[in-house]
Amino acid sequence: MLRKIGQNYQIALPREIIKLLHLKLNEYVDIRVENQCVILEPQVMIPKDQAYFYGPEWQTDEKEASADIKHGRTTKTKNLQELFKKLDA
């Protein structure tokens, strides 16, 4: 798709690309150059106070927890005191 560079060196993305990437107004796209090609990659901006959740360590722990739940590796207790007793044992 041929596009002309306009004022302020802007380029309008074709509607087909917008739909293909599921982009919406005010969303972010990372732009970089690799091997003389321009790469556009949609990005999700995460509030700073929630960034820990998306870190590799937290995500690894989340995957392990999901696998434990899926395979029944859980402990049921009636209250916190009972839980702490099981954890201390």
PDB file of N, CA and C in Angstrom:
ATOM      1  N   MET A   1       0.844  -1.174   0.000  1.00  0.00           N
ATOM      2  CA  MET A   1       0.000   0.000   0.000  1.00  0.00           C
ATOM      3  C   MET A   1       0.890   1.237   0.000  1.00  0.00           C
ATOM      4  N   LEU A   2       0.753   2.008  -0.973  1.00  0.00           N
ATOM      5  CA  LEU A   2       1.557   3.209  -1.134  1.00  0.00           C
ATOM      6  C   LEU A   2       0.918   4.361  -0.364  1.00  0.00           C
ATOM      7  N   ARG A   3       1.725   5.062   0.415  1.00  0.00           N
ATOM      8  CA  ARG A   3       1.240   6.212   1.177  1.00  0.00           C
ATOM      9  C   ARG A   3       2.206   7.373   0.990  1.00  0.00           C
ATOM     10  N   LYS A   4       1.669   8.583   0.974  1.00  0.00           N
ATOM     11  CA  LYS A   4       2.462   9.799   0.831  1.00  0.00           C
ATOM     12  C   LYS A   4       2.769  10.362   2.215  1.00  0.00           C
ATOM     13  N   ILE A   5       3.977  10.834   2.393  1.00  0.00           N
ATOM     14  CA  ILE A   5       4.350  11.481   3.652  1.00  0.00           C
ATOM     15  C   ILE A   5       3.784  12.896   3.614  1.00  0.00           C
ATOM     16  N   GLY A   6       2.972  13.221   4.630  1.00  0.00           N
ATOM     17  CA  GLY A   6       2.301  14.511   4.676  1.00  0.00           C
ATOM     18  C   GLY A   6       3.012  15.512   5.570  1.00  0.00           C
ATOM     19  N   GLN A   7       2.253  16.541   5.966  1.00  0.00           N
ATOM     20  CA  GLN A   7       2.788  17.578   6.847  1.00  0.00           C
ATOM     21  C   GLN A   7       3.332  16.947   8.123  1.00  0.00           C
ATOM     22  N   ASN A   8       4.374  17.553   8.651  1.00  0.00           N
ATOM     23  CA  ASN A   8       5.026  17.054   9.868  1.00  0.00           C
ATOM     24  C   ASN A   8       5.492  15.604   9.706  1.00  0.00           C
ATOM     25  N   TYR A   9       5.701  15.183   8.457  1.00  0.00           N
ATOM     26  CA  TYR A   9       6.196  13.839   8.146  1.00  0.00           C
ATOM     27  C   TYR A   9       5.268  12.731   8.651  1.00  0.00           C
ATOM     28  N   GLN A  10       3.986  12.994   8.662  1.00  0.00           N
ATOM     29  CA  GLN A  10       3.017  11.998   9.120  1.00  0.00           C
ATOM     30  C   GLN A  10       2.569  11.107   7.970  1.00  0.00           C
ATOM     31  N   ILE A  11       2.238   9.858   8.331  1.00  0.00           N
ATOM     32  CA  ILE A  11       1.732   8.889   7.372  1.00  0.00           C
ATOM     33  C   ILE A  11       0.440   8.313   7.944  1.00  0.00           C
ATOM     34  N   ALA A  12      -0.622   8.318   7.144  1.00  0.00           N
ATOM     35  CA  ALA A  12      -1.895   7.747   7.590  1.00  0.00           C
ATOM     36  C   ALA A  12      -1.868   6.233   7.364  1.00  0.00           C
ATOM     37  N   LEU A  13      -2.242   5.477   8.393  1.00  0.00           N
ATOM     38  CA  LEU A  13      -2.305   4.021   8.248  1.00  0.00           C
ATOM     39  C   LEU A  13      -3.587   3.631   7.528  1.00  0.00           C
ATOM     40  N   PRO A  14      -3.500   2.717   6.587  1.00  0.00           N
ATOM     41  CA  PRO A  14      -4.712   2.260   5.894  1.00  0.00           C
ATOM     42  C   PRO A  14      -5.682   1.571   6.863  1.00  0.00           C
ATOM     43  N   ARG A  15      -6.959   1.725   6.578  1.00  0.00           N
ATOM     44  CA  ARG A  15      -8.009   1.138   7.419  1.00  0.00           C
ATOM     45  C   ARG A  15      -7.810  -0.370   7.601  1.00  0.00           C
ATOM     46  N   GLU A  16      -7.341  -1.066   6.547  1.00  0.00           N
ATOM     47  CA  GLU A  16      -7.130  -2.517   6.629  1.00  0.00           C
ATOM     48  C   GLU A  16      -6.116  -2.871   7.724  1.00  0.00           C
ATOM     49  N   ILE A  17      -5.067  -2.057   7.838  1.00  0.00           N
ATOM     50  CA  ILE A  17      -4.049  -2.304   8.873  1.00  0.00           C
ATOM     51  C   ILE A  17      -4.627  -2.006  10.252  1.00  0.00           C
ATOM     52  N   ILE A  18      -5.382  -0.922  10.358  1.00  0.00           N
ATOM     53  CA  ILE A  18      -6.015  -0.573  11.640  1.00  0.00           C
ATOM     54  C   ILE A  18      -6.891  -1.723  12.113  1.00  0.00           C
ATOM     55  N   LYS A  19      -7.687  -2.284  11.204  1.00  0.00           N
ATOM     56  CA  LYS A  19      -8.581  -3.394  11.565  1.00  0.00           C
ATOM     57  C   LYS A  19      -7.784  -4.652  11.886  1.00  0.00           C
ATOM     58  N   LEU A  20      -6.778  -4.942  11.084  1.00  0.00           N
ATOM     59  CA  LEU A  20      -5.973  -6.141  11.284  1.00  0.00           C
ATOM     60  C   LEU A  20      -5.286  -6.139  12.652  1.00  0.00           C
ATOM     61  N   LEU A  21      -4.801  -4.974  13.071  1.00  0.00           N
ATOM     62  CA  LEU A  21      -4.112  -4.853  14.361  1.00  0.00           C
ATOM     63  C   LEU A  21      -5.058  -4.510  15.508  1.00  0.00           C
ATOM     64  N   HIS A  22      -6.357  -4.363  15.216  1.00  0.00           N
ATOM     65  CA  HIS A  22      -7.371  -4.030  16.231  1.00  0.00           C
ATOM     66  C   HIS A  22      -7.004  -2.745  16.971  1.00  0.00           C
ATOM     67  N   LEU A  23      -6.553  -1.741  16.235  1.00  0.00           N
ATOM     68  CA  LEU A  23      -6.167  -0.474  16.839  1.00  0.00           C
ATOM     69  C   LEU A  23      -7.375   0.440  16.998  1.00  0.00           C
ATOM     70  N   LYS A  24      -7.312   1.273  18.036  1.00  0.00           N
ATOM     71  CA  LYS A  24      -8.360   2.250  18.290  1.00  0.00           C
ATOM     72  C   LYS A  24      -7.702   3.607  18.541  1.00  0.00           C
ATOM     73  N   LEU A  25      -8.500   4.659  18.446  1.00  0.00           N
ATOM     74  CA  LEU A  25      -7.970   5.997  18.696  1.00  0.00           C
ATOM     75  C   LEU A  25      -7.308   6.086  20.071  1.00  0.00           C
ATOM     76  N   ASN A  26      -6.236   6.828  20.142  1.00  0.00           N
ATOM     77  CA  ASN A  26      -5.478   7.095  21.370  1.00  0.00           C
ATOM     78  C   ASN A  26      -4.711   5.899  21.906  1.00  0.00           C
ATOM     79  N   GLU A  27      -4.661   4.789  21.176  1.00  0.00           N
ATOM     80  CA  GLU A  27      -3.817   3.672  21.576  1.00  0.00           C
ATOM     81  C   GLU A  27      -2.398   3.941  21.100  1.00  0.00           C
ATOM     82  N   TYR A  28      -1.450   3.150  21.609  1.00  0.00           N
ATOM     83  CA  TYR A  28      -0.045   3.357  21.305  1.00  0.00           C
ATOM     84  C   TYR A  28       0.490   2.279  20.380  1.00  0.00           C
ATOM     85  N   VAL A  29       1.451   2.685  19.534  1.00  0.00           N
ATOM     86  CA  VAL A  29       2.134   1.771  18.628  1.00  0.00           C
ATOM     87  C   VAL A  29       3.625   2.044  18.749  1.00  0.00           C
ATOM     88  N   ASP A  30       4.406   0.990  18.965  1.00  0.00           N
ATOM     89  CA  ASP A  30       5.858   1.113  18.978  1.00  0.00           C
ATOM     90  C   ASP A  30       6.338   1.083  17.530  1.00  0.00           C
ATOM     91  N   ILE A  31       7.222   2.012  17.175  1.00  0.00           N
ATOM     92  CA  ILE A  31       7.747   2.082  15.815  1.00  0.00           C
ATOM     93  C   ILE A  31       9.261   1.917  15.887  1.00  0.00           C
ATOM     94  N   ARG A  32       9.780   0.958  15.108  1.00  0.00           N
ATOM     95  CA  ARG A  32      11.230   0.750  15.076  1.00  0.00           C
ATOM     96  C   ARG A  32      11.638   0.329  13.665  1.00  0.00           C
ATOM     97  N   VAL A  33      12.927   0.404  13.411  1.00  0.00           N
ATOM     98  CA  VAL A  33      13.460   0.029  12.108  1.00  0.00           C
ATOM     99  C   VAL A  33      14.334  -1.202  12.277  1.00  0.00           C
ATOM    100  N   GLU A  34      14.074  -2.228  11.461  1.00  0.00           N
ATOM    101  CA  GLU A  34      14.884  -3.448  11.441  1.00  0.00           C
ATOM    102  C   GLU A  34      15.177  -3.793   9.990  1.00  0.00           C
ATOM    103  N   ASN A  35      16.451  -3.906   9.652  1.00  0.00           N
ATOM    104  CA  ASN A  35      16.851  -4.271   8.291  1.00  0.00           C
ATOM    105  C   ASN A  35      16.170  -3.398   7.231  1.00  0.00           C
ATOM    106  N   GLN A  36      16.197  -2.103   7.450  1.00  0.00           N
ATOM    107  CA  GLN A  36      15.627  -1.125   6.517  1.00  0.00           C
ATOM    108  C   GLN A  36      14.105  -1.233   6.381  1.00  0.00           C
ATOM    109  N   CYS A  37      13.435  -1.907   7.320  1.00  0.00           N
ATOM    110  CA  CYS A  37      11.974  -2.002   7.327  1.00  0.00           C
ATOM    111  C   CYS A  37      11.430  -1.316   8.567  1.00  0.00           C
ATOM    112  N   VAL A  38      10.313  -0.634   8.425  1.00  0.00           N
ATOM    113  CA  VAL A  38       9.643  -0.001   9.563  1.00  0.00           C
ATOM    114  C   VAL A  38       8.687  -1.021  10.157  1.00  0.00           C
ATOM    115  N   ILE A  39       8.820  -1.262  11.471  1.00  0.00           N
ATOM    116  CA  ILE A  39       7.987  -2.228  12.183  1.00  0.00           C
ATOM    117  C   ILE A  39       7.049  -1.458  13.117  1.00  0.00           C
ATOM    118  N   LEU A  40       5.757  -1.727  13.007  1.00  0.00           N
ATOM    119  CA  LEU A  40       4.754  -1.149  13.908  1.00  0.00           C
ATOM    120  C   LEU A  40       4.247  -2.258  14.808  1.00  0.00           C
ATOM    121  N   GLU A  41       4.291  -2.039  16.114  1.00  0.00           N
ATOM    122  CA  GLU A  41       3.829  -3.059  17.056  1.00  0.00           C
ATOM    123  C   GLU A  41       2.900  -2.418  18.088  1.00  0.00           C
ATOM    124  N   PRO A  42       1.626  -2.838  18.125  1.00  0.00           N
ATOM    125  CA  PRO A  42       0.698  -2.280  19.115  1.00  0.00           C
ATOM    126  C   PRO A  42       1.225  -2.491  20.537  1.00  0.00           C
ATOM    127  N   GLN A  43       1.001  -1.491  21.388  1.00  0.00           N
ATOM    128  CA  GLN A  43       1.458  -1.547  22.766  1.00  0.00           C
ATOM    129  C   GLN A  43       0.302  -1.243  23.709  1.00  0.00           C
ATOM    130  N   VAL A  44       0.373  -1.817  24.893  1.00  0.00           N
ATOM    131  CA  VAL A  44      -0.591  -1.518  25.948  1.00  0.00           C
ATOM    132  C   VAL A  44       0.176  -0.798  27.047  1.00  0.00           C
ATOM    133  N   MET A  45      -0.295   0.365  27.396  1.00  0.00           N
ATOM    134  CA  MET A  45       0.355   1.142  28.454  1.00  0.00           C
ATOM    135  C   MET A  45      -0.222   0.697  29.797  1.00  0.00           C
ATOM    136  N   ILE A  46       0.671   0.387  30.726  1.00  0.00           N
ATOM    137  CA  ILE A  46       0.277  -0.133  32.036  1.00  0.00           C
ATOM    138  C   ILE A  46       0.565   0.934  33.087  1.00  0.00           C
ATOM    139  N   PRO A  47      -0.392   1.213  33.963  1.00  0.00           N
ATOM    140  CA  PRO A  47      -0.117   2.165  35.045  1.00  0.00           C
ATOM    141  C   PRO A  47       1.078   1.693  35.873  1.00  0.00           C
ATOM    142  N   LYS A  48       1.914   2.632  36.273  1.00  0.00           N
ATOM    143  CA  LYS A  48       3.150   2.311  36.980  1.00  0.00           C
ATOM    144  C   LYS A  48       2.904   1.471  38.235  1.00  0.00           C
ATOM    145  N   ASP A  49       1.813   1.758  38.946  1.00  0.00           N
ATOM    146  CA  ASP A  49       1.542   1.022  40.183  1.00  0.00           C
ATOM    147  C   ASP A  49       1.083  -0.416  39.927  1.00  0.00           C
ATOM    148  N   GLN A  50       0.870  -0.798  38.664  1.00  0.00           N
ATOM    149  CA  GLN A  50       0.479  -2.165  38.332  1.00  0.00           C
ATOM    150  C   GLN A  50       1.556  -2.893  37.526  1.00  0.00           C
ATOM    151  N   ALA A  51       2.657  -2.233  37.254  1.00  0.00           N
ATOM    152  CA  ALA A  51       3.702  -2.799  36.399  1.00  0.00           C
ATOM    153  C   ALA A  51       4.291  -4.090  36.976  1.00  0.00           C
ATOM    154  N   TYR A  52       4.355  -4.227  38.302  1.00  0.00           N
ATOM    155  CA  TYR A  52       4.916  -5.428  38.924  1.00  0.00           C
ATOM    156  C   TYR A  52       4.209  -6.699  38.434  1.00  0.00           C
ATOM    157  N   PHE A  53       2.904  -6.594  38.196  1.00  0.00           N
ATOM    158  CA  PHE A  53       2.118  -7.758  37.792  1.00  0.00           C
ATOM    159  C   PHE A  53       2.561  -8.303  36.439  1.00  0.00           C
ATOM    160  N   TYR A  54       3.084  -7.435  35.591  1.00  0.00           N
ATOM    161  CA  TYR A  54       3.450  -7.835  34.238  1.00  0.00           C
ATOM    162  C   TYR A  54       4.932  -8.181  34.116  1.00  0.00           C
ATOM    163  N   GLY A  55       5.665  -8.142  35.221  1.00  0.00           N
ATOM    164  CA  GLY A  55       7.074  -8.507  35.200  1.00  0.00           C
ATOM    165  C   GLY A  55       7.246 -10.013  35.042  1.00  0.00           C
ATOM    166  N   PRO A  56       8.403 -10.456  34.569  1.00  0.00           N
ATOM    167  CA  PRO A  56       8.619 -11.887  34.306  1.00  0.00           C
ATOM    168  C   PRO A  56       8.506 -12.760  35.553  1.00  0.00           C
ATOM    169  N   GLU A  57       8.973 -12.291  36.694  1.00  0.00           N
ATOM    170  CA  GLU A  57       8.904 -13.095  37.916  1.00  0.00           C
ATOM    171  C   GLU A  57       7.446 -13.326  38.333  1.00  0.00           C
ATOM    172  N   TRP A  58       6.654 -12.259  38.324  1.00  0.00           N
ATOM    173  CA  TRP A  58       5.250 -12.384  38.713  1.00  0.00           C
ATOM    174  C   TRP A  58       4.511 -13.284  37.738  1.00  0.00           C
ATOM    175  N   GLN A  59       4.750 -13.127  36.444  1.00  0.00           N
ATOM    176  CA  GLN A  59       4.065 -13.940  35.447  1.00  0.00           C
ATOM    177  C   GLN A  59       4.433 -15.421  35.579  1.00  0.00           C
ATOM    178  N   THR A  60       5.689 -15.716  35.909  1.00  0.00           N
ATOM    179  CA  THR A  60       6.106 -17.101  36.145  1.00  0.00           C
ATOM    180  C   THR A  60       5.341 -17.681  37.326  1.00  0.00           C
ATOM    181  N   ASP A  61       5.251 -16.907  38.407  1.00  0.00           N
ATOM    182  CA  ASP A  61       4.504 -17.352  39.589  1.00  0.00           C
ATOM    183  C   ASP A  61       3.027 -17.570  39.267  1.00  0.00           C
ATOM    184  N   GLU A  62       2.444 -16.685  38.446  1.00  0.00           N
ATOM    185  CA  GLU A  62       1.034 -16.824  38.058  1.00  0.00           C
ATOM    186  C   GLU A  62       0.814 -18.120  37.274  1.00  0.00           C
ATOM    187  N   LYS A  63       1.725 -18.441  36.360  1.00  0.00           N
ATOM    188  CA  LYS A  63       1.608 -19.675  35.568  1.00  0.00           C
ATOM    189  C   LYS A  63       1.701 -20.904  36.465  1.00  0.00           C
ATOM    190  N   GLU A  64       2.626 -20.869  37.430  1.00  0.00           N
ATOM    191  CA  GLU A  64       2.763 -21.992  38.370  1.00  0.00           C
ATOM    192  C   GLU A  64       1.493 -22.150  39.207  1.00  0.00           C
ATOM    193  N   ALA A  65       0.954 -21.033  39.674  1.00  0.00           N
ATOM    194  CA  ALA A  65      -0.262 -21.084  40.489  1.00  0.00           C
ATOM    195  C   ALA A  65      -1.432 -21.632  39.675  1.00  0.00           C
ATOM    196  N   SER A  66      -1.558 -21.199  38.434  1.00  0.00           N
ATOM    197  CA  SER A  66      -2.637 -21.700  37.571  1.00  0.00           C
ATOM    198  C   SER A  66      -2.504 -23.202  37.339  1.00  0.00           C
ATOM    199  N   ALA A  67      -1.268 -23.668  37.133  1.00  0.00           N
ATOM    200  CA  ALA A  67      -1.042 -25.102  36.934  1.00  0.00           C
ATOM    201  C   ALA A  67      -1.384 -25.876  38.197  1.00  0.00           C
ATOM    202  N   ASP A  68      -1.010 -25.335  39.355  1.00  0.00           N
ATOM    203  CA  ASP A  68      -1.333 -25.994  40.629  1.00  0.00           C
ATOM    204  C   ASP A  68      -2.845 -26.120  40.801  1.00  0.00           C
ATOM    205  N   ILE A  69      -3.564 -25.045  40.515  1.00  0.00           N
ATOM    206  CA  ILE A  69      -5.024 -25.074  40.646  1.00  0.00           C
ATOM    207  C   ILE A  69      -5.617 -26.088  39.672  1.00  0.00           C
ATOM    208  N   LYS A  70      -5.136 -26.071  38.433  1.00  0.00           N
ATOM    209  CA  LYS A  70      -5.651 -26.980  37.403  1.00  0.00           C
ATOM    210  C   LYS A  70      -5.453 -28.442  37.795  1.00  0.00           C
ATOM    211  N   HIS A  71      -4.335 -28.764  38.455  1.00  0.00           N
ATOM    212  CA  HIS A  71      -4.018 -30.141  38.824  1.00  0.00           C
ATOM    213  C   HIS A  71      -4.420 -30.484  40.262  1.00  0.00           C
ATOM    214  N   GLY A  72      -5.208 -29.606  40.888  1.00  0.00           N
ATOM    215  CA  GLY A  72      -5.732 -29.907  42.219  1.00  0.00           C
ATOM    216  C   GLY A  72      -4.715 -29.795  43.339  1.00  0.00           C
ATOM    217  N   ARG A  73      -3.611 -29.126  43.103  1.00  0.00           N
ATOM    218  CA  ARG A  73      -2.596 -28.965  44.155  1.00  0.00           C
ATOM    219  C   ARG A  73      -2.922 -27.709  44.968  1.00  0.00           C
ATOM    220  N   THR A  74      -4.008 -27.819  45.710  1.00  0.00           N
ATOM    221  CA  THR A  74      -4.459 -26.707  46.548  1.00  0.00           C
ATOM    222  C   THR A  74      -4.740 -27.209  47.959  1.00  0.00           C
ATOM    223  N   THR A  75      -4.841 -26.280  48.878  1.00  0.00           N
ATOM    224  CA  THR A  75      -5.151 -26.608  50.263  1.00  0.00           C
ATOM    225  C   THR A  75      -6.379 -25.810  50.674  1.00  0.00           C
ATOM    226  N   LYS A  76      -7.352 -26.499  51.240  1.00  0.00           N
ATOM    227  CA  LYS A  76      -8.556 -25.816  51.717  1.00  0.00           C
ATOM    228  C   LYS A  76      -8.519 -25.768  53.237  1.00  0.00           C
ATOM    229  N   THR A  77      -8.831 -24.613  53.758  1.00  0.00           N
ATOM    230  CA  THR A  77      -8.895 -24.443  55.212  1.00  0.00           C
ATOM    231  C   THR A  77     -10.151 -23.655  55.559  1.00  0.00           C
ATOM    232  N   LYS A  78     -10.546 -23.743  56.829  1.00  0.00           N
ATOM    233  CA  LYS A  78     -11.740 -23.042  57.288  1.00  0.00           C
ATOM    234  C   LYS A  78     -11.464 -21.576  57.578  1.00  0.00           C
ATOM    235  N   ASN A  79     -10.208 -21.282  57.992  1.00  0.00           N
ATOM    236  CA  ASN A  79      -9.880 -19.914  58.347  1.00  0.00           C
ATOM    237  C   ASN A  79      -8.362 -19.699  58.233  1.00  0.00           C
ATOM    238  N   LEU A  80      -7.930 -18.482  58.494  1.00  0.00           N
ATOM    239  CA  LEU A  80      -6.508 -18.153  58.377  1.00  0.00           C
ATOM    240  C   LEU A  80      -5.642 -18.902  59.388  1.00  0.00           C
ATOM    241  N   GLN A  81      -6.152 -19.075  60.607  1.00  0.00           N
ATOM    242  CA  GLN A  81      -5.367 -19.790  61.632  1.00  0.00           C
ATOM    243  C   GLN A  81      -5.055 -21.209  61.168  1.00  0.00           C
ATOM    244  N   GLU A  82      -6.056 -21.890  60.627  1.00  0.00           N
ATOM    245  CA  GLU A  82      -5.848 -23.245  60.121  1.00  0.00           C
ATOM    246  C   GLU A  82      -4.844 -23.250  58.959  1.00  0.00           C
ATOM    247  N   LEU A  83      -4.948 -22.278  58.109  1.00  0.00           N
ATOM    248  CA  LEU A  83      -4.018 -22.164  56.987  1.00  0.00           C
ATOM    249  C   LEU A  83      -2.584 -22.017  57.486  1.00  0.00           C
ATOM    250  N   PHE A  84      -2.376 -21.110  58.453  1.00  0.00           N
ATOM    251  CA  PHE A  84      -1.025 -20.889  58.970  1.00  0.00           C
ATOM    252  C   PHE A  84      -0.484 -22.134  59.673  1.00  0.00           C
ATOM    253  N   LYS A  85      -1.343 -22.879  60.333  1.00  0.00           N
ATOM    254  CA  LYS A  85      -0.902 -24.113  60.970  1.00  0.00           C
ATOM    255  C   LYS A  85      -0.413 -25.115  59.917  1.00  0.00           C
ATOM    256  N   LYS A  86      -1.150 -25.222  58.799  1.00  0.00           N
ATOM    257  CA  LYS A  86      -0.741 -26.126  57.709  1.00  0.00           C
ATOM    258  C   LYS A  86       0.564 -25.662  57.069  1.00  0.00           C
ATOM    259  N   LEU A  87       0.718 -24.355  56.934  1.00  0.00           N
ATOM    260  CA  LEU A  87       1.946 -23.820  56.331  1.00  0.00           C
ATOM    261  C   LEU A  87       3.159 -24.031  57.250  1.00  0.00           C
ATOM    262  N   ASP A  88       2.946 -23.963  58.564  1.00  0.00           N
ATOM    263  CA  ASP A  88       4.043 -24.139  59.525  1.00  0.00           C
ATOM    264  C   ASP A  88       4.452 -25.594  59.656  1.00  0.00           C
ATOM    265  N   ALA A  89       3.553 -26.497  59.302  1.00  0.00           N
ATOM    266  CA  ALA A  89       3.838 -27.939  59.490  1.00  0.00           C
ATOM    267  C   ALA A  89       4.879 -28.453  58.526  1.00  0.00           C
TER     268      ALA A  89
END
